[in-house]
């Protein structure tokens, strides 16, 4: 009887591991581009189909964060069964800097101008490749190599979505998830 109980526990545990791997949580950030049977979210030139209700007030062209589980329907089409669909509202750099405690570790959306390696925000916070985005209220660094030519593309209108962080030397920066030209 004891060995049957142990065997049952092993079967349940192993089944749980297989089930968990098949249903890993998917996180994505993208632009809401419409709704038919599924919500359609464009992220890095790929359209994702999301099974969820449209969040109240969300309009086409606005950005969302989706958390869910990838599934396949009876016809073999892949979609995301959403656990959460949340709008990412645009913030000014000044709002983010002044409310740093509220935004630290959270996703922020900045709509601004690509400034390359322009040093108006002080020294780069993490790497020499970090670059600057500017809006009417200030400047902030974005982690990593610039997505555009740092000299020729200065002034290009962009959207940056990423996680707000602070460097060891107390300089705020954005760890990018999505960068788009607007």
Protein backbone atom coordinates (compact mmCIF):
# COMPACT_ATOMS: atom_id res chain seq x y z
CA UNK A 1 0.00 0.00 0.00
CA UNK A 2 2.87 2.36 0.89
CA UNK A 3 4.60 1.70 -2.46
CA UNK A 4 1.36 2.40 -4.36
CA UNK A 5 1.06 5.76 -2.55
CA UNK A 6 4.65 6.64 -3.41
CA UNK A 7 4.06 5.64 -7.05
CA UNK A 8 0.90 7.79 -7.20
CA UNK A 9 2.81 10.80 -5.80
CA UNK A 10 5.59 10.31 -8.40
CA UNK A 11 3.05 10.13 -11.24
CA UNK A 12 1.30 13.29 -10.04
CA UNK A 13 4.59 15.18 -9.60
CA UNK A 14 5.91 14.10 -13.02
CA UNK A 15 2.59 15.01 -14.67
CA UNK A 16 2.76 18.43 -13.03
CA UNK A 17 6.27 19.01 -14.40
CA UNK A 18 5.19 18.07 -17.93
CA UNK A 19 2.08 20.25 -17.63
CA UNK A 20 4.08 23.22 -16.29
CA UNK A 21 6.63 23.05 -19.12
CA UNK A 22 3.90 22.88 -21.77
CA UNK A 23 2.19 25.97 -20.30
CA UNK A 24 5.00 28.38 -19.49
CA UNK A 25 3.94 31.98 -19.00
CA UNK A 26 4.47 34.22 -22.03
CA UNK A 27 5.20 37.93 -21.50
CA UNK A 28 5.07 40.32 -24.43
CA UNK A 29 4.77 44.03 -25.06
CA UNK A 30 3.33 45.41 -28.27
CA UNK A 31 0.90 47.65 -30.08
CA UNK A 32 -2.81 46.78 -30.06
CA UNK A 33 -3.76 46.66 -33.76
CA UNK A 34 -7.34 45.39 -33.66
CA UNK A 35 -9.82 42.73 -32.69
CA UNK A 36 -11.59 39.98 -34.58
CA UNK A 37 -11.97 36.63 -32.84
CA UNK A 38 -8.73 37.43 -30.96
CA UNK A 39 -6.99 40.64 -29.97
CA UNK A 40 -4.12 41.32 -32.34
CA UNK A 41 -0.89 42.63 -30.83
CA UNK A 42 2.09 43.63 -32.99
CA UNK A 43 5.48 43.17 -31.34
CA UNK A 44 8.79 43.39 -33.21
CA UNK A 45 7.14 42.87 -36.64
CA UNK A 46 5.24 39.77 -35.53
CA UNK A 47 1.48 39.65 -34.92
CA UNK A 48 0.36 37.72 -31.85
CA UNK A 49 -3.22 36.57 -31.43
CA UNK A 50 -4.46 36.97 -27.88
CA UNK A 51 -7.61 35.43 -26.40
CA UNK A 52 -8.96 38.10 -24.04
CA UNK A 53 -11.45 40.91 -23.67
CA UNK A 54 -10.28 44.33 -24.80
CA UNK A 55 -9.34 46.39 -21.72
CA UNK A 56 -11.81 49.23 -21.21
CA UNK A 57 -10.82 52.37 -23.10
CA UNK A 58 -8.01 50.71 -25.10
CA UNK A 59 -7.76 52.07 -28.64
CA UNK A 60 -5.94 50.76 -31.70
CA UNK A 61 -2.34 51.96 -31.76
CA UNK A 62 -1.94 51.98 -27.98
CA UNK A 63 0.61 49.75 -26.29
CA UNK A 64 -0.17 46.78 -24.06
CA UNK A 65 1.58 44.25 -21.89
CA UNK A 66 0.25 40.69 -22.24
CA UNK A 67 0.86 37.84 -19.80
CA UNK A 68 -0.57 34.47 -20.70
CA UNK A 69 -0.10 30.89 -21.81
CA UNK A 70 0.60 29.84 -25.37
CA UNK A 71 -2.01 27.43 -26.74
CA UNK A 72 -3.03 25.83 -30.03
CA UNK A 73 -6.62 25.69 -31.28
CA UNK A 74 -8.26 22.69 -33.00
CA UNK A 75 -7.09 23.98 -36.42
CA UNK A 76 -3.44 24.16 -35.31
CA UNK A 77 -3.32 27.97 -34.93
CA UNK A 78 -1.22 29.28 -32.07
CA UNK A 79 -2.59 31.97 -29.74
CA UNK A 80 -1.99 33.35 -26.26
CA UNK A 81 -4.62 32.62 -23.62
CA UNK A 82 -4.31 35.90 -21.70
CA UNK A 83 -4.14 35.96 -17.94
CA UNK A 84 -3.64 39.73 -18.07
CA UNK A 85 -3.77 42.43 -20.74
CA UNK A 86 -2.74 45.83 -19.42
CA UNK A 87 -2.36 49.15 -21.21
CA UNK A 88 1.05 50.82 -20.91
CA UNK A 89 0.38 54.55 -20.65
CA UNK A 90 2.90 57.06 -21.96
CA UNK A 91 4.84 59.03 -19.33
CA UNK A 92 7.12 62.02 -19.64
CA UNK A 93 10.74 61.66 -18.59
CA UNK A 94 10.15 64.27 -15.88
CA UNK A 95 7.22 62.21 -14.46
CA UNK A 96 9.39 59.09 -14.40
CA UNK A 97 12.39 60.84 -12.76
CA UNK A 98 10.29 62.67 -10.15
CA UNK A 99 8.28 59.53 -9.34
CA UNK A 100 11.24 57.17 -9.55
CA UNK A 101 10.21 55.18 -6.46
CA UNK A 102 6.79 54.49 -8.03
CA UNK A 103 8.18 53.45 -11.41
CA UNK A 104 11.36 51.61 -10.39
CA UNK A 105 11.28 48.04 -11.70
CA UNK A 106 8.09 48.72 -13.70
CA UNK A 107 7.47 49.10 -17.40
CA UNK A 108 7.42 52.65 -18.72
CA UNK A 109 6.63 54.06 -22.18
CA UNK A 110 8.53 57.15 -23.29
CA UNK A 111 7.66 58.93 -26.52
CA UNK A 112 10.53 61.15 -27.56
CA UNK A 113 13.51 61.86 -29.74
CA UNK A 114 16.52 59.62 -30.36
CA UNK A 115 19.65 61.56 -29.30
CA UNK A 116 22.33 58.87 -29.75
CA UNK A 117 25.30 59.38 -27.48
CA UNK A 118 24.50 63.01 -26.71
CA UNK A 119 25.76 63.46 -23.15
CA UNK A 120 23.04 65.78 -21.79
CA UNK A 121 21.96 63.12 -19.28
CA UNK A 122 25.43 62.81 -17.70
CA UNK A 123 27.81 59.84 -18.07
CA UNK A 124 26.42 56.52 -19.37
CA UNK A 125 24.98 54.58 -16.43
CA UNK A 126 25.93 50.99 -17.30
CA UNK A 127 27.90 50.65 -20.57
CA UNK A 128 29.64 53.01 -22.97
CA UNK A 129 27.06 52.01 -25.59
CA UNK A 130 24.08 53.35 -23.60
CA UNK A 131 22.22 56.02 -25.54
CA UNK A 132 19.83 58.89 -24.84
CA UNK A 133 16.14 59.54 -25.50
CA UNK A 134 14.79 63.07 -24.95
CA UNK A 135 11.32 64.54 -24.64
CA UNK A 136 10.15 68.09 -23.86
CA UNK A 137 10.76 67.49 -20.14
CA UNK A 138 14.24 65.95 -20.05
CA UNK A 139 16.67 63.19 -21.00
CA UNK A 140 17.11 59.57 -19.91
CA UNK A 141 19.53 56.83 -20.90
CA UNK A 142 18.51 53.57 -22.55
CA UNK A 143 20.68 50.49 -21.93
CA UNK A 144 22.68 48.93 -24.74
CA UNK A 145 23.79 49.67 -28.27
CA UNK A 146 21.72 52.27 -30.15
CA UNK A 147 19.06 50.88 -32.53
CA UNK A 148 19.81 53.68 -35.02
CA UNK A 149 22.90 55.52 -36.25
CA UNK A 150 23.93 57.62 -33.19
CA UNK A 151 25.03 60.58 -35.32
CA UNK A 152 22.94 60.58 -38.51
CA UNK A 153 19.63 59.63 -36.86
CA UNK A 154 19.62 62.22 -34.06
CA UNK A 155 16.16 63.72 -33.80
CA UNK A 156 14.32 60.62 -35.05
CA UNK A 157 10.93 60.31 -33.29
CA UNK A 158 10.76 57.06 -31.30
CA UNK A 159 8.87 55.14 -28.65
CA UNK A 160 10.81 53.27 -25.97
CA UNK A 161 9.12 50.72 -23.71
CA UNK A 162 11.21 49.15 -21.00
CA UNK A 163 11.85 48.59 -17.33
CA UNK A 164 13.03 51.56 -15.28
CA UNK A 165 16.23 50.85 -13.34
CA UNK A 166 18.90 52.79 -11.46
CA UNK A 167 22.63 52.22 -11.95
CA UNK A 168 25.15 51.64 -9.15
CA UNK A 169 26.06 55.32 -9.48
CA UNK A 170 22.38 56.32 -9.00
CA UNK A 171 21.65 57.24 -12.63
CA UNK A 172 18.16 56.22 -13.85
CA UNK A 173 17.93 54.35 -17.16
CA UNK A 174 15.54 52.21 -19.16
CA UNK A 175 16.26 48.56 -19.95
CA UNK A 176 14.47 48.34 -23.33
CA UNK A 177 11.88 45.76 -24.30
CA UNK A 178 10.54 47.45 -27.44
CA UNK A 179 11.86 50.40 -29.48
CA UNK A 180 9.86 51.70 -32.42
CA UNK A 181 10.15 54.58 -34.81
CA UNK A 182 6.97 56.66 -34.90
